[in-house]
Amino acid sequence: MNTRPKKRRLYKPRIVGGNVMTPADLRRLHKYMLEIEKVTVISDEMRAVVESEWPELAHKLPPKGGVH
């Protein structure tokens, strides 16, 4: 049995839509993305965050070029 603590990913703050996304914001977004089935509306900037940070979750995003 592995007794090592789970390694927590470190996030750097990012500017998204003119606002700062803190590491805590990014952790919450990741948790949300894991829990939901599908995103229906997302901005291009937030899409870029999801695609760069968690490419394995990009399938939950709506098709590119849709309504924002």
PDB file of N, CA and C in Angstrom:
ATOM      1  N   MET A   1       0.843  -1.190   0.000  1.00  0.00           N
ATOM      2  CA  MET A   1       0.000   0.000   0.000  1.00  0.00           C
ATOM      3  C   MET A   1       0.880   1.242   0.000  1.00  0.00           C
ATOM      4  N   ASN A   2       0.529   2.195  -0.803  1.00  0.00           N
ATOM      5  CA  ASN A   2       1.294   3.433  -0.903  1.00  0.00           C
ATOM      6  C   ASN A   2       0.843   4.389   0.200  1.00  0.00           C
ATOM      7  N   THR A   3       1.773   4.783   1.058  1.00  0.00           N
ATOM      8  CA  THR A   3       1.425   5.684   2.160  1.00  0.00           C
ATOM      9  C   THR A   3       1.832   7.125   1.875  1.00  0.00           C
ATOM     10  N   ARG A   4       2.377   7.369   0.700  1.00  0.00           N
ATOM     11  CA  ARG A   4       2.758   8.740   0.339  1.00  0.00           C
ATOM     12  C   ARG A   4       1.518   9.604   0.169  1.00  0.00           C
ATOM     13  N   PRO A   5       1.603  10.834   0.600  1.00  0.00           N
ATOM     14  CA  PRO A   5       0.457  11.721   0.357  1.00  0.00           C
ATOM     15  C   PRO A   5       0.309  11.989  -1.135  1.00  0.00           C
ATOM     16  N   LYS A   6      -0.925  12.173  -1.576  1.00  0.00           N
ATOM     17  CA  LYS A   6      -1.186  12.454  -2.981  1.00  0.00           C
ATOM     18  C   LYS A   6      -0.526  13.777  -3.356  1.00  0.00           C
ATOM     19  N   LYS A   7       0.212  13.760  -4.453  1.00  0.00           N
ATOM     20  CA  LYS A   7       0.898  14.963  -4.901  1.00  0.00           C
ATOM     21  C   LYS A   7      -0.120  15.947  -5.458  1.00  0.00           C
ATOM     22  N   ARG A   8      -0.140  17.148  -4.927  1.00  0.00           N
ATOM     23  CA  ARG A   8      -1.081  18.172  -5.351  1.00  0.00           C
ATOM     24  C   ARG A   8      -0.447  19.031  -6.429  1.00  0.00           C
ATOM     25  N   ARG A   9      -1.172  19.216  -7.497  1.00  0.00           N
ATOM     26  CA  ARG A   9      -0.658  20.021  -8.600  1.00  0.00           C
ATOM     27  C   ARG A   9      -0.601  21.490  -8.189  1.00  0.00           C
ATOM     28  N   LEU A  10       0.472  22.142  -8.565  1.00  0.00           N
ATOM     29  CA  LEU A  10       0.623  23.557  -8.269  1.00  0.00           C
ATOM     30  C   LEU A  10       0.232  24.366  -9.499  1.00  0.00           C
ATOM     31  N   TYR A  11      -0.629  25.345  -9.285  1.00  0.00           N
ATOM     32  CA  TYR A  11      -1.066  26.214 -10.368  1.00  0.00           C
ATOM     33  C   TYR A  11      -0.488  27.600 -10.163  1.00  0.00           C
ATOM     34  N   LYS A  12      -0.168  28.244 -11.261  1.00  0.00           N
ATOM     35  CA  LYS A  12       0.268  29.637 -11.220  1.00  0.00           C
ATOM     36  C   LYS A  12      -0.933  30.516 -11.526  1.00  0.00           C
ATOM     37  N   PRO A  13      -1.011  31.695 -10.920  1.00  0.00           N
ATOM     38  CA  PRO A  13      -2.125  32.600 -11.244  1.00  0.00           C
ATOM     39  C   PRO A  13      -2.140  32.916 -12.737  1.00  0.00           C
ATOM     40  N   ARG A  14      -3.336  33.089 -13.283  1.00  0.00           N
ATOM     41  CA  ARG A  14      -3.504  33.400 -14.704  1.00  0.00           C
ATOM     42  C   ARG A  14      -4.472  34.559 -14.845  1.00  0.00           C
ATOM     43  N   ILE A  15      -4.296  35.323 -15.900  1.00  0.00           N
ATOM     44  CA  ILE A  15      -5.233  36.389 -16.234  1.00  0.00           C
ATOM     45  C   ILE A  15      -6.226  35.818 -17.245  1.00  0.00           C
ATOM     46  N   VAL A  16      -7.496  35.858 -16.900  1.00  0.00           N
ATOM     47  CA  VAL A  16      -8.549  35.343 -17.777  1.00  0.00           C
ATOM     48  C   VAL A  16      -9.661  36.387 -17.823  1.00  0.00           C
ATOM     49  N   GLY A  17      -9.929  36.907 -18.986  1.00  0.00           N
ATOM     50  CA  GLY A  17     -10.984  37.897 -19.130  1.00  0.00           C
ATOM     51  C   GLY A  17     -10.727  39.155 -18.320  1.00  0.00           C
ATOM     52  N   GLY A  18      -9.467  39.529 -18.163  1.00  0.00           N
ATOM     53  CA  GLY A  18      -9.118  40.723 -17.406  1.00  0.00           C
ATOM     54  C   GLY A  18      -9.129  40.530 -15.904  1.00  0.00           C
ATOM     55  N   ASN A  19      -9.375  39.309 -15.436  1.00  0.00           N
ATOM     56  CA  ASN A  19      -9.379  39.004 -14.003  1.00  0.00           C
ATOM     57  C   ASN A  19      -8.302  37.991 -13.682  1.00  0.00           C
ATOM     58  N   VAL A  20      -7.798  38.038 -12.451  1.00  0.00           N
ATOM     59  CA  VAL A  20      -6.789  37.080 -12.008  1.00  0.00           C
ATOM     60  C   VAL A  20      -7.492  35.815 -11.526  1.00  0.00           C
ATOM     61  N   MET A  21      -7.077  34.680 -12.056  1.00  0.00           N
ATOM     62  CA  MET A  21      -7.525  33.393 -11.526  1.00  0.00           C
ATOM     63  C   MET A  21      -6.418  32.891 -10.622  1.00  0.00           C
ATOM     64  N   THR A  22      -6.723  32.768  -9.348  1.00  0.00           N
ATOM     65  CA  THR A  22      -5.742  32.317  -8.365  1.00  0.00           C
ATOM     66  C   THR A  22      -5.601  30.795  -8.444  1.00  0.00           C
ATOM     67  N   PRO A  23      -4.552  30.254  -7.821  1.00  0.00           N
ATOM     68  CA  PRO A  23      -4.446  28.791  -7.765  1.00  0.00           C
ATOM     69  C   PRO A  23      -5.701  28.139  -7.167  1.00  0.00           C
ATOM     70  N   ALA A  24      -6.296  28.768  -6.159  1.00  0.00           N
ATOM     71  CA  ALA A  24      -7.526  28.221  -5.567  1.00  0.00           C
ATOM     72  C   ALA A  24      -8.664  28.225  -6.582  1.00  0.00           C
ATOM     73  N   ASP A  25      -8.766  29.290  -7.389  1.00  0.00           N
ATOM     74  CA  ASP A  25      -9.790  29.349  -8.443  1.00  0.00           C
ATOM     75  C   ASP A  25      -9.597  28.207  -9.438  1.00  0.00           C
ATOM     76  N   LEU A  26      -8.347  27.978  -9.817  1.00  0.00           N
ATOM     77  CA  LEU A  26      -8.052  26.921 -10.786  1.00  0.00           C
ATOM     78  C   LEU A  26      -8.352  25.539 -10.200  1.00  0.00           C
ATOM     79  N   ARG A  27      -8.076  25.319  -8.924  1.00  0.00           N
ATOM     80  CA  ARG A  27      -8.420  24.044  -8.282  1.00  0.00           C
ATOM     81  C   ARG A  27      -9.937  23.841  -8.271  1.00  0.00           C
ATOM     82  N   ARG A  28     -10.681  24.918  -7.963  1.00  0.00           N
ATOM     83  CA  ARG A  28     -12.147  24.823  -7.970  1.00  0.00           C
ATOM     84  C   ARG A  28     -12.676  24.538  -9.374  1.00  0.00           C
ATOM     85  N   LEU A  29     -12.099  25.195 -10.380  1.00  0.00           N
ATOM     86  CA  LEU A  29     -12.517  24.957 -11.763  1.00  0.00           C
ATOM     87  C   LEU A  29     -12.241  23.504 -12.156  1.00  0.00           C
ATOM     88  N   HIS A  30     -11.094  22.998 -11.779  1.00  0.00           N
ATOM     89  CA  HIS A  30     -10.752  21.608 -12.099  1.00  0.00           C
ATOM     90  C   HIS A  30     -11.750  20.648 -11.450  1.00  0.00           C
ATOM     91  N   LYS A  31     -12.054  20.874 -10.187  1.00  0.00           N
ATOM     92  CA  LYS A  31     -13.016  20.035  -9.474  1.00  0.00           C
ATOM     93  C   LYS A  31     -14.369  20.083 -10.172  1.00  0.00           C
ATOM     94  N   TYR A  32     -14.803  21.274 -10.553  1.00  0.00           N
ATOM     95  CA  TYR A  32     -16.067  21.449 -11.259  1.00  0.00           C
ATOM     96  C   TYR A  32     -16.052  20.691 -12.586  1.00  0.00           C
ATOM     97  N   MET A  33     -14.968  20.838 -13.342  1.00  0.00           N
ATOM     98  CA  MET A  33     -14.870  20.167 -14.638  1.00  0.00           C
ATOM     99  C   MET A  33     -14.918  18.645 -14.485  1.00  0.00           C
ATOM    100  N   LEU A  34     -14.363  18.134 -13.405  1.00  0.00           N
ATOM    101  CA  LEU A  34     -14.412  16.693 -13.161  1.00  0.00           C
ATOM    102  C   LEU A  34     -15.831  16.231 -12.842  1.00  0.00           C
ATOM    103  N   GLU A  35     -16.596  17.066 -12.164  1.00  0.00           N
ATOM    104  CA  GLU A  35     -17.927  16.687 -11.684  1.00  0.00           C
ATOM    105  C   GLU A  35     -19.026  16.792 -12.742  1.00  0.00           C
ATOM    106  N   ILE A  36     -18.881  17.740 -13.673  1.00  0.00           N
ATOM    107  CA  ILE A  36     -19.962  17.954 -14.631  1.00  0.00           C
ATOM    108  C   ILE A  36     -19.857  16.992 -15.804  1.00  0.00           C
ATOM    109  N   GLU A  37     -20.982  16.871 -16.509  1.00  0.00           N
ATOM    110  CA  GLU A  37     -20.999  16.008 -17.675  1.00  0.00           C
ATOM    111  C   GLU A  37     -20.575  16.754 -18.932  1.00  0.00           C
ATOM    112  N   LYS A  38     -21.034  18.018 -19.037  1.00  0.00           N
ATOM    113  CA  LYS A  38     -20.801  18.774 -20.269  1.00  0.00           C
ATOM    114  C   LYS A  38     -20.949  20.268 -19.986  1.00  0.00           C
ATOM    115  N   VAL A  39     -20.140  21.088 -20.653  1.00  0.00           N
ATOM    116  CA  VAL A  39     -20.243  22.546 -20.582  1.00  0.00           C
ATOM    117  C   VAL A  39     -21.019  22.987 -21.814  1.00  0.00           C
ATOM    118  N   THR A  40     -22.011  23.862 -21.620  1.00  0.00           N
ATOM    119  CA  THR A  40     -22.797  24.298 -22.776  1.00  0.00           C
ATOM    120  C   THR A  40     -22.333  25.638 -23.327  1.00  0.00           C
ATOM    121  N   VAL A  41     -21.802  26.529 -22.460  1.00  0.00           N
ATOM    122  CA  VAL A  41     -21.342  27.851 -22.890  1.00  0.00           C
ATOM    123  C   VAL A  41     -20.022  28.146 -22.179  1.00  0.00           C
ATOM    124  N   ILE A  42     -19.024  28.610 -22.945  1.00  0.00           N
ATOM    125  CA  ILE A  42     -17.718  28.935 -22.350  1.00  0.00           C
ATOM    126  C   ILE A  42     -17.045  29.999 -23.221  1.00  0.00           C
ATOM    127  N   SER A  43     -16.340  30.908 -22.576  1.00  0.00           N
ATOM    128  CA  SER A  43     -15.613  31.932 -23.331  1.00  0.00           C
ATOM    129  C   SER A  43     -14.368  31.316 -23.962  1.00  0.00           C
ATOM    130  N   ASP A  44     -13.853  31.976 -24.985  1.00  0.00           N
ATOM    131  CA  ASP A  44     -12.628  31.497 -25.634  1.00  0.00           C
ATOM    132  C   ASP A  44     -11.466  31.464 -24.645  1.00  0.00           C
ATOM    133  N   GLU A  45     -11.394  32.474 -23.766  1.00  0.00           N
ATOM    134  CA  GLU A  45     -10.286  32.519 -22.800  1.00  0.00           C
ATOM    135  C   GLU A  45     -10.371  31.377 -21.792  1.00  0.00           C
ATOM    136  N   MET A  46     -11.579  31.085 -21.310  1.00  0.00           N
ATOM    137  CA  MET A  46     -11.734  29.988 -20.351  1.00  0.00           C
ATOM    138  C   MET A  46     -11.512  28.644 -21.033  1.00  0.00           C
ATOM    139  N   ARG A  47     -11.934  28.535 -22.295  1.00  0.00           N
ATOM    140  CA  ARG A  47     -11.665  27.314 -23.059  1.00  0.00           C
ATOM    141  C   ARG A  47     -10.161  27.069 -23.135  1.00  0.00           C
ATOM    142  N   ALA A  48      -9.398  28.129 -23.384  1.00  0.00           N
ATOM    143  CA  ALA A  48      -7.935  27.994 -23.474  1.00  0.00           C
ATOM    144  C   ALA A  48      -7.358  27.494 -22.154  1.00  0.00           C
ATOM    145  N   VAL A  49      -7.916  27.956 -21.031  1.00  0.00           N
ATOM    146  CA  VAL A  49      -7.446  27.482 -19.717  1.00  0.00           C
ATOM    147  C   VAL A  49      -7.696  25.982 -19.594  1.00  0.00           C
ATOM    148  N   VAL A  50      -8.913  25.554 -19.877  1.00  0.00           N
ATOM    149  CA  VAL A  50      -9.257  24.130 -19.753  1.00  0.00           C
ATOM    150  C   VAL A  50      -8.399  23.291 -20.691  1.00  0.00           C
ATOM    151  N   GLU A  51      -8.269  23.733 -21.935  1.00  0.00           N
ATOM    152  CA  GLU A  51      -7.501  22.948 -22.912  1.00  0.00           C
ATOM    153  C   GLU A  51      -6.018  22.866 -22.557  1.00  0.00           C
ATOM    154  N   SER A  52      -5.467  23.920 -21.955  1.00  0.00           N
ATOM    155  CA  SER A  52      -4.035  23.878 -21.623  1.00  0.00           C
ATOM    156  C   SER A  52      -3.767  23.178 -20.290  1.00  0.00           C
ATOM    157  N   GLU A  53      -4.632  23.378 -19.310  1.00  0.00           N
ATOM    158  CA  GLU A  53      -4.415  22.779 -17.992  1.00  0.00           C
ATOM    159  C   GLU A  53      -4.879  21.328 -17.909  1.00  0.00           C
ATOM    160  N   TRP A  54      -6.007  21.029 -18.540  1.00  0.00           N
ATOM    161  CA  TRP A  54      -6.607  19.692 -18.439  1.00  0.00           C
ATOM    162  C   TRP A  54      -7.100  19.217 -19.801  1.00  0.00           C
ATOM    163  N   PRO A  55      -6.196  18.942 -20.737  1.00  0.00           N
ATOM    164  CA  PRO A  55      -6.627  18.543 -22.084  1.00  0.00           C
ATOM    165  C   PRO A  55      -7.512  17.296 -22.070  1.00  0.00           C
ATOM    166  N   GLU A  56      -7.377  16.471 -21.049  1.00  0.00           N
ATOM    167  CA  GLU A  56      -8.190  15.254 -20.944  1.00  0.00           C
ATOM    168  C   GLU A  56      -9.670  15.579 -20.671  1.00  0.00           C
ATOM    169  N   LEU A  57      -9.971  16.831 -20.308  1.00  0.00           N
ATOM    170  CA  LEU A  57     -11.352  17.231 -20.036  1.00  0.00           C
ATOM    171  C   LEU A  57     -11.954  18.067 -21.169  1.00  0.00           C
ATOM    172  N   ALA A  58     -11.182  18.317 -22.207  1.00  0.00           N
ATOM    173  CA  ALA A  58     -11.643  19.165 -23.315  1.00  0.00           C
ATOM    174  C   ALA A  58     -12.858  18.575 -24.023  1.00  0.00           C
ATOM    175  N   HIS A  59     -13.051  17.272 -23.942  1.00  0.00           N
ATOM    176  CA  HIS A  59     -14.219  16.654 -24.585  1.00  0.00           C
ATOM    177  C   HIS A  59     -15.536  17.123 -23.957  1.00  0.00           C
ATOM    178  N   LYS A  60     -15.472  17.722 -22.774  1.00  0.00           N
ATOM    179  CA  LYS A  60     -16.678  18.217 -22.109  1.00  0.00           C
ATOM    180  C   LYS A  60     -17.068  19.620 -22.589  1.00  0.00           C
ATOM    181  N   LEU A  61     -16.214  20.246 -23.374  1.00  0.00           N
ATOM    182  CA  LEU A  61     -16.463  21.608 -23.860  1.00  0.00           C
ATOM    183  C   LEU A  61     -17.350  21.567 -25.107  1.00  0.00           C
ATOM    184  N   PRO A  62     -18.111  22.661 -25.331  1.00  0.00           N
ATOM    185  CA  PRO A  62     -18.919  22.707 -26.568  1.00  0.00           C
ATOM    186  C   PRO A  62     -18.012  22.868 -27.783  1.00  0.00           C
ATOM    187  N   PRO A  63     -18.518  22.603 -28.964  1.00  0.00           N
ATOM    188  CA  PRO A  63     -17.702  22.770 -30.178  1.00  0.00           C
ATOM    189  C   PRO A  63     -17.200  24.208 -30.302  1.00  0.00           C
ATOM    190  N   LYS A  64     -16.012  24.365 -30.841  1.00  0.00           N
ATOM    191  CA  LYS A  64     -15.456  25.705 -31.061  1.00  0.00           C
ATOM    192  C   LYS A  64     -16.309  26.451 -32.066  1.00  0.00           C
ATOM    193  N   GLY A  65     -16.358  27.779 -31.873  1.00  0.00           N
ATOM    194  CA  GLY A  65     -17.116  28.607 -32.800  1.00  0.00           C
ATOM    195  C   GLY A  65     -18.593  28.681 -32.474  1.00  0.00           C
ATOM    196  N   GLY A  66     -18.978  28.081 -31.336  1.00  0.00           N
ATOM    197  CA  GLY A  66     -20.388  28.146 -30.921  1.00  0.00           C
ATOM    198  C   GLY A  66     -20.688  29.482 -30.267  1.00  0.00           C
ATOM    199  N   VAL A  67     -21.882  29.613 -29.760  1.00  0.00           N
ATOM    200  CA  VAL A  67     -22.301  30.827 -29.075  1.00  0.00           C
ATOM    201  C   VAL A  67     -21.555  30.937 -27.754  1.00  0.00           C
ATOM    202  N   HIS A  68     -21.085  32.145 -27.409  1.00  0.00           N
ATOM    203  CA  HIS A  68     -20.345  32.349 -26.163  1.00  0.00           C
ATOM    204  C   HIS A  68     -21.265  33.006 -25.186  1.00  0.00           C
TER     205      HIS A  68
END
